[in-house]
PDB file of N, CA and C in Angstrom:
ATOM      1  N   UNK A   1      90.663  96.545  73.225  1.00  0.00           N
ATOM      2  CA  UNK A   1      90.779  95.160  73.638  1.00  0.00           C
ATOM      3  C   UNK A   1      91.200  94.826  75.146  1.00  0.00           C
ATOM      4  N   UNK A   2      90.434  93.804  75.682  1.00  0.00           N
ATOM      5  CA  UNK A   2      90.980  93.319  76.683  1.00  0.00           C
ATOM      6  C   UNK A   2      91.873  92.270  76.158  1.00  0.00           C
ATOM      7  N   UNK A   3      93.371  92.864  76.770  1.00  0.00           N
ATOM      8  CA  UNK A   3      94.367  91.503  76.355  1.00  0.00           C
ATOM      9  C   UNK A   3      94.426  90.242  76.893  1.00  0.00           C
ATOM     10  N   UNK A   4      94.193  90.581  77.931  1.00  0.00           N
ATOM     11  CA  UNK A   4      93.846  88.956  78.736  1.00  0.00           C
ATOM     12  C   UNK A   4      92.572  88.163  78.656  1.00  0.00           C
ATOM     13  N   UNK A   5      92.037  88.869  78.208  1.00  0.00           N
ATOM     14  CA  UNK A   5      90.816  88.043  77.427  1.00  0.00           C
ATOM     15  C   UNK A   5      91.403  87.785  76.059  1.00  0.00           C
ATOM     16  N   UNK A   6      91.959  88.025  75.521  1.00  0.00           N
ATOM     17  CA  UNK A   6      92.054  87.919  74.006  1.00  0.00           C
ATOM     18  C   UNK A   6      93.252  86.491  73.836  1.00  0.00           C
ATOM     19  N   UNK A   7      94.374  86.695  75.029  1.00  0.00           N
ATOM     20  CA  UNK A   7      95.324  86.033  75.573  1.00  0.00           C
ATOM     21  C   UNK A   7      94.435  84.168  75.528  1.00  0.00           C
ATOM     22  N   UNK A   8      93.950  84.537  76.852  1.00  0.00           N
ATOM     23  CA  UNK A   8      92.741  83.127  76.975  1.00  0.00           C
ATOM     24  C   UNK A   8      92.180  82.818  76.132  1.00  0.00           C
ATOM     25  N   UNK A   9      91.315  83.737  74.440  1.00  0.00           N
ATOM     26  CA  UNK A   9      91.159  82.848  73.618  1.00  0.00           C
ATOM     27  C   UNK A   9      91.976  82.313  72.422  1.00  0.00           C
ATOM     28  N   UNK A  10      93.467  82.439  73.066  1.00  0.00           N
ATOM     29  CA  UNK A  10      94.371  82.055  71.831  1.00  0.00           C
ATOM     30  C   UNK A  10      95.305  80.978  72.509  1.00  0.00           C
ATOM     31  N   UNK A  11      94.692  80.809  74.224  1.00  0.00           N
ATOM     32  CA  UNK A  11      95.252  79.658  74.617  1.00  0.00           C
ATOM     33  C   UNK A  11      96.744  79.993  75.322  1.00  0.00           C
ATOM     34  N   UNK A  12      96.709  81.240  75.862  1.00  0.00           N
ATOM     35  CA  UNK A  12      98.071  81.290  76.444  1.00  0.00           C
ATOM     36  C   UNK A  12      97.885  81.913  77.950  1.00  0.00           C
ATOM     37  N   UNK A  13      98.287  81.679  79.002  1.00  0.00           N
ATOM     38  CA  UNK A  13      98.019  82.095  80.213  1.00  0.00           C
ATOM     39  C   UNK A  13      99.209  83.198  80.547  1.00  0.00           C
ATOM     40  N   UNK A  14      98.839  84.000  81.286  1.00  0.00           N
ATOM     41  CA  UNK A  14      99.498  85.118  81.725  1.00  0.00           C
ATOM     42  C   UNK A  14      99.757  84.911  82.688  1.00  0.00           C
ATOM     43  N   UNK A  15     101.350  85.180  83.191  1.00  0.00           N
ATOM     44  CA  UNK A  15     101.584  84.996  84.769  1.00  0.00           C
ATOM     45  C   UNK A  15     102.517  85.910  84.822  1.00  0.00           C
ATOM     46  N   UNK A  16     102.732  86.246  86.344  1.00  0.00           N
ATOM     47  CA  UNK A  16     103.803  87.358  86.817  1.00  0.00           C
ATOM     48  C   UNK A  16     104.758  86.883  87.581  1.00  0.00           C
ATOM     49  N   UNK A  17     105.867  86.784  86.926  1.00  0.00           N
ATOM     50  CA  UNK A  17     107.251  86.276  87.309  1.00  0.00           C
ATOM     51  C   UNK A  17     108.109  87.397  87.561  1.00  0.00           C
ATOM     52  N   UNK A  18     109.295  87.207  88.222  1.00  0.00           N
ATOM     53  CA  UNK A  18     110.179  88.556  88.522  1.00  0.00           C
ATOM     54  C   UNK A  18     111.465  87.721  87.483  1.00  0.00           C
ATOM     55  N   UNK A  19     111.865  89.049  86.613  1.00  0.00           N
ATOM     56  CA  UNK A  19     112.062  88.496  85.519  1.00  0.00           C
ATOM     57  C   UNK A  19     114.181  89.593  85.895  1.00  0.00           C
ATOM     58  N   UNK A  20     114.921  88.631  85.090  1.00  0.00           N
ATOM     59  CA  UNK A  20     116.333  89.537  84.782  1.00  0.00           C
ATOM     60  C   UNK A  20     116.086  90.712  83.986  1.00  0.00           C
ATOM     61  N   UNK A  21     116.741  92.213  83.851  1.00  0.00           N
ATOM     62  CA  UNK A  21     117.260  92.546  83.370  1.00  0.00           C
ATOM     63  C   UNK A  21     115.919  93.780  82.892  1.00  0.00           C
ATOM     64  N   UNK A  22     115.676  93.712  82.185  1.00  0.00           N
ATOM     65  CA  UNK A  22     114.695  95.098  82.318  1.00  0.00           C
ATOM     66  C   UNK A  22     112.883  94.871  80.747  1.00  0.00           C
ATOM     67  N   UNK A  23     113.365  93.670  80.521  1.00  0.00           N
ATOM     68  CA  UNK A  23     112.274  93.429  80.090  1.00  0.00           C
ATOM     69  C   UNK A  23     111.253  92.979  80.668  1.00  0.00           C
ATOM     70  N   UNK A  24     110.087  93.647  80.135  1.00  0.00           N
ATOM     71  CA  UNK A  24     108.674  93.846  80.633  1.00  0.00           C
ATOM     72  C   UNK A  24     107.680  92.843  80.670  1.00  0.00           C
ATOM     73  N   UNK A  25     108.420  91.509  79.747  1.00  0.00           N
ATOM     74  CA  UNK A  25     107.326  90.095  79.553  1.00  0.00           C
ATOM     75  C   UNK A  25     108.185  89.317  78.320  1.00  0.00           C
ATOM     76  N   UNK A  26     107.679  88.272  78.222  1.00  0.00           N
ATOM     77  CA  UNK A  26     108.525  87.151  77.522  1.00  0.00           C
ATOM     78  C   UNK A  26     107.415  86.280  77.195  1.00  0.00           C
ATOM     79  N   UNK A  27     107.218  85.828  75.716  1.00  0.00           N
ATOM     80  CA  UNK A  27     106.811  84.913  75.409  1.00  0.00           C
ATOM     81  C   UNK A  27     106.803  83.386  75.285  1.00  0.00           C
ATOM     82  N   UNK A  28     106.418  82.277  75.733  1.00  0.00           N
ATOM     83  CA  UNK A  28     107.202  81.122  76.141  1.00  0.00           C
ATOM     84  C   UNK A  28     106.014  80.150  75.172  1.00  0.00           C
ATOM     85  N   UNK A  29     106.963  79.650  73.833  1.00  0.00           N
ATOM     86  CA  UNK A  29     105.742  79.197  73.142  1.00  0.00           C
ATOM     87  C   UNK A  29     105.466  77.501  73.669  1.00  0.00           C
ATOM     88  N   UNK A  30     106.285  77.027  74.570  1.00  0.00           N
ATOM     89  CA  UNK A  30     106.323  75.676  74.686  1.00  0.00           C
ATOM     90  C   UNK A  30     105.260  75.627  75.992  1.00  0.00           C
ATOM     91  N   UNK A  31     105.408  76.408  76.280  1.00  0.00           N
ATOM     92  CA  UNK A  31     104.145  76.331  77.957  1.00  0.00           C
ATOM     93  C   UNK A  31     102.832  77.273  77.410  1.00  0.00           C
ATOM     94  N   UNK A  32     103.153  77.926  76.136  1.00  0.00           N
ATOM     95  CA  UNK A  32     102.279  78.712  76.127  1.00  0.00           C
ATOM     96  C   UNK A  32     101.246  79.786  76.942  1.00  0.00           C
ATOM     97  N   UNK A  33     102.771  80.061  77.146  1.00  0.00           N
ATOM     98  CA  UNK A  33     102.271  81.259  78.358  1.00  0.00           C
ATOM     99  C   UNK A  33     102.931  82.760  78.337  1.00  0.00           C
ATOM    100  N   UNK A  34     102.495  83.982  78.622  1.00  0.00           N
ATOM    101  CA  UNK A  34     103.465  85.135  78.431  1.00  0.00           C
ATOM    102  C   UNK A  34     103.915  85.589  79.957  1.00  0.00           C
ATOM    103  N   UNK A  35     105.142  85.493  80.477  1.00  0.00           N
ATOM    104  CA  UNK A  35     105.556  85.870  81.884  1.00  0.00           C
ATOM    105  C   UNK A  35     105.619  87.497  81.621  1.00  0.00           C
ATOM    106  N   UNK A  36     105.361  88.138  83.000  1.00  0.00           N
ATOM    107  CA  UNK A  36     104.902  89.649  82.720  1.00  0.00           C
ATOM    108  C   UNK A  36     106.100  89.409  84.327  1.00  0.00           C
ATOM    109  N   UNK A  37     106.535  90.993  84.126  1.00  0.00           N
ATOM    110  CA  UNK A  37     107.405  91.810  85.017  1.00  0.00           C
ATOM    111  C   UNK A  37     106.202  91.680  86.496  1.00  0.00           C
ATOM    112  N   UNK A  38     106.297  91.788  87.124  1.00  0.00           N
ATOM    113  CA  UNK A  38     105.139  92.080  88.405  1.00  0.00           C
ATOM    114  C   UNK A  38     105.778  93.532  88.351  1.00  0.00           C
ATOM    115  N   UNK A  39     104.577  94.268  88.905  1.00  0.00           N
ATOM    116  CA  UNK A  39     104.702  95.300  89.030  1.00  0.00           C
ATOM    117  C   UNK A  39     104.478  96.694  87.820  1.00  0.00           C
ATOM    118  N   UNK A  40     103.966  96.171  86.820  1.00  0.00           N
ATOM    119  CA  UNK A  40     103.817  97.205  85.725  1.00  0.00           C
ATOM    120  C   UNK A  40     102.644  97.558  86.265  1.00  0.00           C
ATOM    121  N   UNK A  41     102.677  99.644  85.703  1.00  0.00           N
ATOM    122  CA  UNK A  41     101.636  99.984  85.578  1.00  0.00           C
ATOM    123  C   UNK A  41     100.694  99.796  84.284  1.00  0.00           C
ATOM    124  N   UNK A  42      99.401  99.590  84.298  1.00  0.00           N
ATOM    125  CA  UNK A  42      98.133  99.557  83.619  1.00  0.00           C
ATOM    126  C   UNK A  42      98.674  99.945  82.144  1.00  0.00           C
ATOM    127  N   UNK A  43      99.313 100.885  81.981  1.00  0.00           N
ATOM    128  CA  UNK A  43      99.701 101.441  80.634  1.00  0.00           C
ATOM    129  C   UNK A  43     100.788 100.083  80.276  1.00  0.00           C
ATOM    130  N   UNK A  44     101.780  99.898  81.216  1.00  0.00           N
ATOM    131  CA  UNK A  44     102.974  99.422  80.554  1.00  0.00           C
ATOM    132  C   UNK A  44     102.365  97.758  80.499  1.00  0.00           C
ATOM    133  N   UNK A  45     101.605  97.093  81.538  1.00  0.00           N
ATOM    134  CA  UNK A  45     101.056  95.858  81.041  1.00  0.00           C
ATOM    135  C   UNK A  45     100.256  95.682  79.511  1.00  0.00           C
ATOM    136  N   UNK A  46      99.537  96.664  79.371  1.00  0.00           N
ATOM    137  CA  UNK A  46      98.867  96.962  78.090  1.00  0.00           C
ATOM    138  C   UNK A  46      99.721  96.496  76.961  1.00  0.00           C
ATOM    139  N   UNK A  47     100.701  97.503  76.720  1.00  0.00           N
ATOM    140  CA  UNK A  47     101.827  97.495  76.027  1.00  0.00           C
ATOM    141  C   UNK A  47     102.398  96.511  75.705  1.00  0.00           C
ATOM    142  N   UNK A  48     103.060  95.366  77.185  1.00  0.00           N
ATOM    143  CA  UNK A  48     103.834  94.601  76.805  1.00  0.00           C
ATOM    144  C   UNK A  48     102.571  93.317  76.404  1.00  0.00           C
ATOM    145  N   UNK A  49     101.114  93.184  76.694  1.00  0.00           N
ATOM    146  CA  UNK A  49     100.336  92.282  76.309  1.00  0.00           C
ATOM    147  C   UNK A  49     100.441  92.895  74.753  1.00  0.00           C
ATOM    148  N   UNK A  50     100.471  93.548  74.265  1.00  0.00           N
ATOM    149  CA  UNK A  50      99.948  94.112  72.870  1.00  0.00           C
ATOM    150  C   UNK A  50     101.495  93.278  72.165  1.00  0.00           C
ATOM    151  N   UNK A  51     102.356  93.621  72.605  1.00  0.00           N
ATOM    152  CA  UNK A  51     103.891  93.442  72.211  1.00  0.00           C
ATOM    153  C   UNK A  51     103.713  91.589  71.914  1.00  0.00           C
ATOM    154  N   UNK A  52     103.760  90.540  73.406  1.00  0.00           N
ATOM    155  CA  UNK A  52     103.563  89.549  73.289  1.00  0.00           C
ATOM    156  C   UNK A  52     102.560  88.838  72.605  1.00  0.00           C
ATOM    157  N   UNK A  53     101.513  89.850  72.078  1.00  0.00           N
ATOM    158  CA  UNK A  53     100.214  89.090  71.588  1.00  0.00           C
ATOM    159  C   UNK A  53     101.287  88.864  70.143  1.00  0.00           C
ATOM    160  N   UNK A  54     101.488  89.702  69.701  1.00  0.00           N
ATOM    161  CA  UNK A  54     102.503  89.368  68.106  1.00  0.00           C
ATOM    162  C   UNK A  54     103.405  88.664  68.429  1.00  0.00           C
ATOM    163  N   UNK A  55     104.476  87.862  68.957  1.00  0.00           N
ATOM    164  CA  UNK A  55     105.125  86.917  69.524  1.00  0.00           C
ATOM    165  C   UNK A  55     103.947  85.858  69.691  1.00  0.00           C
ATOM    166  N   UNK A  56     102.665  85.762  70.132  1.00  0.00           N
ATOM    167  CA  UNK A  56     101.969  84.565  69.870  1.00  0.00           C
ATOM    168  C   UNK A  56     101.512  84.224  68.290  1.00  0.00           C
ATOM    169  N   UNK A  57     101.050  85.359  67.935  1.00  0.00           N
ATOM    170  CA  UNK A  57     100.478  85.433  66.474  1.00  0.00           C
ATOM    171  C   UNK A  57     101.994  84.820  65.512  1.00  0.00           C
ATOM    172  N   UNK A  58     102.816  85.107  65.684  1.00  0.00           N
ATOM    173  CA  UNK A  58     104.319  84.758  64.796  1.00  0.00           C
ATOM    174  C   UNK A  58     104.810  83.677  65.689  1.00  0.00           C
ATOM    175  N   UNK A  59     104.594  83.570  66.654  1.00  0.00           N
ATOM    176  CA  UNK A  59     104.965  81.261  66.757  1.00  0.00           C
ATOM    177  C   UNK A  59     105.873  81.500  67.607  1.00  0.00           C
ATOM    178  N   UNK A  60     106.728  82.869  67.841  1.00  0.00           N
ATOM    179  CA  UNK A  60     108.528  82.986  68.578  1.00  0.00           C
ATOM    180  C   UNK A  60     108.158  81.918  69.623  1.00  0.00           C
ATOM    181  N   UNK A  61     109.304  81.846  69.765  1.00  0.00           N
ATOM    182  CA  UNK A  61     109.754  81.430  70.784  1.00  0.00           C
ATOM    183  C   UNK A  61     110.861  82.241  71.875  1.00  0.00           C
ATOM    184  N   UNK A  62     110.535  82.998  72.891  1.00  0.00           N
ATOM    185  CA  UNK A  62     111.480  84.047  73.769  1.00  0.00           C
ATOM    186  C   UNK A  62     111.642  85.108  72.930  1.00  0.00           C
ATOM    187  N   UNK A  63     112.650  85.721  73.085  1.00  0.00           N
ATOM    188  CA  UNK A  63     113.309  87.203  72.796  1.00  0.00           C
ATOM    189  C   UNK A  63     113.595  87.276  71.523  1.00  0.00           C
ATOM    190  N   UNK A  64     113.513  87.742  70.598  1.00  0.00           N
ATOM    191  CA  UNK A  64     113.625  87.213  69.179  1.00  0.00           C
ATOM    192  C   UNK A  64     115.439  88.295  68.986  1.00  0.00           C
ATOM    193  N   UNK A  65     115.626  88.324  67.564  1.00  0.00           N
ATOM    194  CA  UNK A  65     116.541  89.680  67.000  1.00  0.00           C
ATOM    195  C   UNK A  65     116.145  90.968  67.333  1.00  0.00           C
ATOM    196  N   UNK A  66     117.150  92.019  67.852  1.00  0.00           N
ATOM    197  CA  UNK A  66     116.581  93.408  67.521  1.00  0.00           C
ATOM    198  C   UNK A  66     116.165  93.774  66.469  1.00  0.00           C
ATOM    199  N   UNK A  67     116.199  92.981  65.347  1.00  0.00           N
ATOM    200  CA  UNK A  67     115.357  93.853  63.885  1.00  0.00           C
ATOM    201  C   UNK A  67     114.092  93.477  64.251  1.00  0.00           C
ATOM    202  N   UNK A  68     113.790  91.818  64.663  1.00  0.00           N
ATOM    203  CA  UNK A  68     111.978  91.752  64.725  1.00  0.00           C
ATOM    204  C   UNK A  68     111.692  92.186  65.954  1.00  0.00           C
ATOM    205  N   UNK A  69     112.172  92.242  66.820  1.00  0.00           N
ATOM    206  CA  UNK A  69     111.788  92.858  68.157  1.00  0.00           C
ATOM    207  C   UNK A  69     110.980  94.532  67.651  1.00  0.00           C
ATOM    208  N   UNK A  70     111.888  95.482  67.100  1.00  0.00           N
ATOM    209  CA  UNK A  70     111.849  96.636  66.678  1.00  0.00           C
ATOM    210  C   UNK A  70     110.611  96.626  65.403  1.00  0.00           C
ATOM    211  N   UNK A  71     110.893  95.764  64.282  1.00  0.00           N
ATOM    212  CA  UNK A  71     109.504  95.558  64.023  1.00  0.00           C
ATOM    213  C   UNK A  71     108.093  95.137  64.674  1.00  0.00           C
ATOM    214  N   UNK A  72     108.310  94.390  65.930  1.00  0.00           N
ATOM    215  CA  UNK A  72     107.174  94.061  66.634  1.00  0.00           C
ATOM    216  C   UNK A  72     106.515  95.547  67.543  1.00  0.00           C
ATOM    217  N   UNK A  73     107.785  96.159  68.048  1.00  0.00           N
ATOM    218  CA  UNK A  73     107.025  97.412  68.720  1.00  0.00           C
ATOM    219  C   UNK A  73     106.798  98.285  67.716  1.00  0.00           C
ATOM    220  N   UNK A  74     106.939  98.526  66.430  1.00  0.00           N
ATOM    221  CA  UNK A  74     106.625  99.596  65.412  1.00  0.00           C
ATOM    222  C   UNK A  74     105.259  99.060  65.106  1.00  0.00           C
ATOM    223  N   UNK A  75     104.806  97.875  65.245  1.00  0.00           N
ATOM    224  CA  UNK A  75     103.525  97.232  64.659  1.00  0.00           C
ATOM    225  C   UNK A  75     102.367  97.834  66.198  1.00  0.00           C
ATOM    226  N   UNK A  76     103.287  97.605  66.884  1.00  0.00           N
ATOM    227  CA  UNK A  76     102.097  97.664  68.713  1.00  0.00           C
ATOM    228  C   UNK A  76     101.905  99.149  68.484  1.00  0.00           C
ATOM    229  N   UNK A  77     103.112  99.946  68.183  1.00  0.00           N
ATOM    230  CA  UNK A  77     103.239 101.734  68.053  1.00  0.00           C
ATOM    231  C   UNK A  77     102.225 101.877  67.420  1.00  0.00           C
ATOM    232  N   UNK A  78     101.530 101.316  66.351  1.00  0.00           N
ATOM    233  CA  UNK A  78     100.609 101.658  65.511  1.00  0.00           C
ATOM    234  C   UNK A  78      99.288 101.353  65.720  1.00  0.00           C
ATOM    235  N   UNK A  79      99.384 100.321  66.709  1.00  0.00           N
ATOM    236  CA  UNK A  79      97.836 100.325  67.516  1.00  0.00           C
ATOM    237  C   UNK A  79      97.488 100.715  68.564  1.00  0.00           C
ATOM    238  N   UNK A  80      98.762 101.318  69.069  1.00  0.00           N
ATOM    239  CA  UNK A  80      98.497 101.997  70.173  1.00  0.00           C
ATOM    240  C   UNK A  80      98.271 103.930  69.876  1.00  0.00           C
ATOM    241  N   UNK A  81      98.990 104.189  68.609  1.00  0.00           N
ATOM    242  CA  UNK A  81      99.184 105.879  68.495  1.00  0.00           C
ATOM    243  C   UNK A  81      98.166 105.973  67.213  1.00  0.00           C
ATOM    244  N   UNK A  82      97.390 107.273  67.801  1.00  0.00           N
ATOM    245  CA  UNK A  82      96.566 107.579  66.191  1.00  0.00           C
ATOM    246  C   UNK A  82      97.613 108.668  65.538  1.00  0.00           C
ATOM    247  N   UNK A  83      97.626 108.882  64.550  1.00  0.00           N
ATOM    248  CA  UNK A  83      98.322 109.851  63.681  1.00  0.00           C
ATOM    249  C   UNK A  83      97.949 111.091  63.863  1.00  0.00           C
ATOM    250  N   UNK A  84      96.772 111.485  64.321  1.00  0.00           N
ATOM    251  CA  UNK A  84      96.406 112.915  64.431  1.00  0.00           C
ATOM    252  C   UNK A  84      96.929 112.768  65.758  1.00  0.00           C
ATOM    253  N   UNK A  85      96.131 112.194  67.086  1.00  0.00           N
ATOM    254  CA  UNK A  85      96.401 112.475  68.161  1.00  0.00           C
ATOM    255  C   UNK A  85      98.036 112.763  68.488  1.00  0.00           C
ATOM    256  N   UNK A  86      98.639 111.829  67.504  1.00  0.00           N
ATOM    257  CA  UNK A  86     100.229 111.959  67.380  1.00  0.00           C
ATOM    258  C   UNK A  86     100.898 113.268  66.900  1.00  0.00           C
ATOM    259  N   UNK A  87     100.581 113.655  65.894  1.00  0.00           N
ATOM    260  CA  UNK A  87     100.366 115.212  65.141  1.00  0.00           C
ATOM    261  C   UNK A  87     100.410 116.053  66.385  1.00  0.00           C
ATOM    262  N   UNK A  88      98.878 116.109  66.533  1.00  0.00           N
ATOM    263  CA  UNK A  88      98.972 117.633  67.852  1.00  0.00           C
ATOM    264  C   UNK A  88      99.737 117.376  69.355  1.00  0.00           C
ATOM    265  N   UNK A  89     100.267 116.115  69.345  1.00  0.00           N
ATOM    266  CA  UNK A  89     101.072 116.101  70.851  1.00  0.00           C
ATOM    267  C   UNK A  89     102.422 116.393  70.012  1.00  0.00           C
ATOM    268  N   UNK A  90     103.256 116.231  68.807  1.00  0.00           N
ATOM    269  CA  UNK A  90     104.058 116.580  68.429  1.00  0.00           C
ATOM    270  C   UNK A  90     104.007 118.141  68.492  1.00  0.00           C
ATOM    271  N   UNK A  91     102.889 118.394  68.234  1.00  0.00           N
ATOM    272  CA  UNK A  91     102.839 120.061  68.218  1.00  0.00           C
ATOM    273  C   UNK A  91     103.014 120.428  69.656  1.00  0.00           C
ATOM    274  N   UNK A  92     102.282 119.979  70.638  1.00  0.00           N
ATOM    275  CA  UNK A  92     102.462 120.552  71.683  1.00  0.00           C
ATOM    276  C   UNK A  92     103.883 120.405  72.230  1.00  0.00           C
ATOM    277  N   UNK A  93     104.741 119.034  72.053  1.00  0.00           N
ATOM    278  CA  UNK A  93     106.056 119.047  73.026  1.00  0.00           C
ATOM    279  C   UNK A  93     106.828 118.998  72.688  1.00  0.00           C
ATOM    280  N   UNK A  94     106.694 119.435  70.959  1.00  0.00           N
ATOM    281  CA  UNK A  94     108.021 118.818  69.897  1.00  0.00           C
ATOM    282  C   UNK A  94     108.149 118.109  69.718  1.00  0.00           C
ATOM    283  N   UNK A  95     110.341 117.841  70.263  1.00  0.00           N
ATOM    284  CA  UNK A  95     110.285 116.445  69.896  1.00  0.00           C
ATOM    285  C   UNK A  95     110.584 115.300  71.057  1.00  0.00           C
ATOM    286  N   UNK A  96     110.270 116.241  72.165  1.00  0.00           N
ATOM    287  CA  UNK A  96     110.004 115.493  73.298  1.00  0.00           C
ATOM    288  C   UNK A  96     109.777 114.299  73.594  1.00  0.00           C
ATOM    289  N   UNK A  97     110.463 112.651  73.089  1.00  0.00           N
ATOM    290  CA  UNK A  97     109.621 111.410  73.337  1.00  0.00           C
ATOM    291  C   UNK A  97     108.701 111.637  74.578  1.00  0.00           C
ATOM    292  N   UNK A  98     109.716 111.503  76.033  1.00  0.00           N
ATOM    293  CA  UNK A  98     108.819 111.546  77.160  1.00  0.00           C
ATOM    294  C   UNK A  98     107.474 112.504  77.338  1.00  0.00           C
ATOM    295  N   UNK A  99     107.552 113.654  76.957  1.00  0.00           N
ATOM    296  CA  UNK A  99     106.291 114.347  76.540  1.00  0.00           C
ATOM    297  C   UNK A  99     105.440 114.172  75.792  1.00  0.00           C
ATOM    298  N   UNK A 100     105.554 113.837  74.588  1.00  0.00           N
ATOM    299  CA  UNK A 100     104.747 112.828  74.105  1.00  0.00           C
ATOM    300  C   UNK A 100     104.149 111.715  74.450  1.00  0.00           C
ATOM    301  N   UNK A 101     104.769 110.826  74.785  1.00  0.00           N
ATOM    302  CA  UNK A 101     104.310 109.476  75.620  1.00  0.00           C
ATOM    303  C   UNK A 101     103.484 109.919  76.578  1.00  0.00           C
ATOM    304  N   UNK A 102     103.601 110.844  77.798  1.00  0.00           N
ATOM    305  CA  UNK A 102     102.611 111.162  78.712  1.00  0.00           C
ATOM    306  C   UNK A 102     101.704 111.943  77.964  1.00  0.00           C
ATOM    307  N   UNK A 103     101.983 112.451  76.649  1.00  0.00           N
ATOM    308  CA  UNK A 103     100.063 113.062  76.676  1.00  0.00           C
ATOM    309  C   UNK A 103      99.609 112.167  75.873  1.00  0.00           C
ATOM    310  N   UNK A 104     100.160 110.898  74.876  1.00  0.00           N
ATOM    311  CA  UNK A 104      99.285 110.147  74.019  1.00  0.00           C
ATOM    312  C   UNK A 104      98.929 108.757  75.267  1.00  0.00           C
ATOM    313  N   UNK A 105      99.363 108.984  76.739  1.00  0.00           N
ATOM    314  CA  UNK A 105      99.559 107.966  77.772  1.00  0.00           C
ATOM    315  C   UNK A 105      99.994 106.535  76.896  1.00  0.00           C
ATOM    316  N   UNK A 106     101.132 106.322  76.210  1.00  0.00           N
ATOM    317  CA  UNK A 106     101.900 105.193  75.905  1.00  0.00           C
ATOM    318  C   UNK A 106     103.586 105.208  76.149  1.00  0.00           C
ATOM    319  N   UNK A 107     103.826 103.675  76.382  1.00  0.00           N
ATOM    320  CA  UNK A 107     105.313 104.180  76.631  1.00  0.00           C
ATOM    321  C   UNK A 107     106.466 105.123  75.867  1.00  0.00           C
ATOM    322  N   UNK A 108     107.437 105.055  76.514  1.00  0.00           N
ATOM    323  CA  UNK A 108     107.882 106.305  75.579  1.00  0.00           C
ATOM    324  C   UNK A 108     108.889 105.429  74.198  1.00  0.00           C
ATOM    325  N   UNK A 109     108.941 104.274  74.433  1.00  0.00           N
ATOM    326  CA  UNK A 109     110.014 103.342  73.241  1.00  0.00           C
ATOM    327  C   UNK A 109     108.646 103.471  72.635  1.00  0.00           C
ATOM    328  N   UNK A 110     107.447 103.581  72.967  1.00  0.00           N
ATOM    329  CA  UNK A 110     106.152 103.291  71.658  1.00  0.00           C
ATOM    330  C   UNK A 110     106.287 104.389  70.612  1.00  0.00           C
ATOM    331  N   UNK A 111     106.632 105.599  71.085  1.00  0.00           N
ATOM    332  CA  UNK A 111     106.755 107.141  70.558  1.00  0.00           C
ATOM    333  C   UNK A 111     107.816 106.712  69.569  1.00  0.00           C
ATOM    334  N   UNK A 112     109.103 106.243  69.791  1.00  0.00           N
ATOM    335  CA  UNK A 112     110.684 105.902  69.636  1.00  0.00           C
ATOM    336  C   UNK A 112     110.070 105.422  68.194  1.00  0.00           C
ATOM    337  N   UNK A 113     109.387 104.006  68.573  1.00  0.00           N
ATOM    338  CA  UNK A 113     108.648 102.979  67.319  1.00  0.00           C
ATOM    339  C   UNK A 113     107.969 103.596  66.324  1.00  0.00           C
ATOM    340  N   UNK A 114     107.370 104.754  66.771  1.00  0.00           N
ATOM    341  CA  UNK A 114     106.085 105.110  66.288  1.00  0.00           C
ATOM    342  C   UNK A 114     106.992 106.311  65.362  1.00  0.00           C
ATOM    343  N   UNK A 115     108.027 106.780  65.908  1.00  0.00           N
ATOM    344  CA  UNK A 115     108.663 107.518  64.778  1.00  0.00           C
ATOM    345  C   UNK A 115     109.510 107.111  63.285  1.00  0.00           C
ATOM    346  N   UNK A 116     109.700 105.595  64.074  1.00  0.00           N
ATOM    347  CA  UNK A 116     110.570 105.270  62.983  1.00  0.00           C
ATOM    348  C   UNK A 116     109.804 104.588  61.832  1.00  0.00           C
ATOM    349  N   UNK A 117     108.108 104.401  62.206  1.00  0.00           N
ATOM    350  CA  UNK A 117     107.521 103.663  60.669  1.00  0.00           C
ATOM    351  C   UNK A 117     107.080 105.235  60.451  1.00  0.00           C
ATOM    352  N   UNK A 118     107.144 106.647  60.922  1.00  0.00           N
ATOM    353  CA  UNK A 118     106.323 107.719  60.341  1.00  0.00           C
ATOM    354  C   UNK A 118     108.127 107.783  59.064  1.00  0.00           C
ATOM    355  N   UNK A 119     109.162 108.051  59.584  1.00  0.00           N
ATOM    356  CA  UNK A 119     110.302 108.200  59.042  1.00  0.00           C
ATOM    357  C   UNK A 119     110.555 107.017  57.823  1.00  0.00           C
ATOM    358  N   UNK A 120     110.196 106.051  58.115  1.00  0.00           N
ATOM    359  CA  UNK A 120     110.532 105.176  56.758  1.00  0.00           C
ATOM    360  C   UNK A 120     109.354 105.554  55.887  1.00  0.00           C
ATOM    361  N   UNK A 121     107.844 106.003  56.138  1.00  0.00           N
ATOM    362  CA  UNK A 121     106.880 106.400  54.894  1.00  0.00           C
ATOM    363  C   UNK A 121     106.988 107.173  54.354  1.00  0.00           C
ATOM    364  N   UNK A 122     108.110 108.364  54.675  1.00  0.00           N
ATOM    365  CA  UNK A 122     108.638 109.826  54.226  1.00  0.00           C
ATOM    366  C   UNK A 122     109.548 109.168  53.312  1.00  0.00           C
ATOM    367  N   UNK A 123     110.763 108.292  53.560  1.00  0.00           N
ATOM    368  CA  UNK A 123     111.585 107.849  52.858  1.00  0.00           C
ATOM    369  C   UNK A 123     111.268 106.922  51.958  1.00  0.00           C
ATOM    370  N   UNK A 124     110.730 106.545  52.043  1.00  0.00           N
ATOM    371  CA  UNK A 124     109.650 105.416  50.877  1.00  0.00           C
ATOM    372  C   UNK A 124     108.797 106.450  50.062  1.00  0.00           C
ATOM    373  N   UNK A 125     108.180 107.421  50.592  1.00  0.00           N
ATOM    374  CA  UNK A 125     106.672 108.167  49.656  1.00  0.00           C
ATOM    375  C   UNK A 125     107.928 109.393  48.787  1.00  0.00           C
ATOM    376  N   UNK A 126     109.613 109.505  49.079  1.00  0.00           N
ATOM    377  CA  UNK A 126     110.234 110.695  48.358  1.00  0.00           C
ATOM    378  C   UNK A 126     111.149 109.333  46.968  1.00  0.00           C
TER     379      UNK A 126
END
């Protein structure tokens, strides 16, 4: 999915602005704008836009609590990672999050978030 088109279709402008800290992006409800850190790779930019799209849909303004941000990262990870591809990557790479991320072409945080989803599913099933 072309996330720039998705943002435009939802009336959201995407701009790049130097940001403090390590955040890749932020949604400003008042301005209907997603602000992205300049210099993100295509993979990072797509992941950031998928994350910020969740904030757009929720009507959030700016960074939320860590619990909400974690849930959003988990939802994004589930959009980005196919279960069978993850299983193959884990078989090849073991528990090395960086290697799995490289194999799946997703950010390392997405692998960690996906593992939380899998762990929760296993706990709920038992």
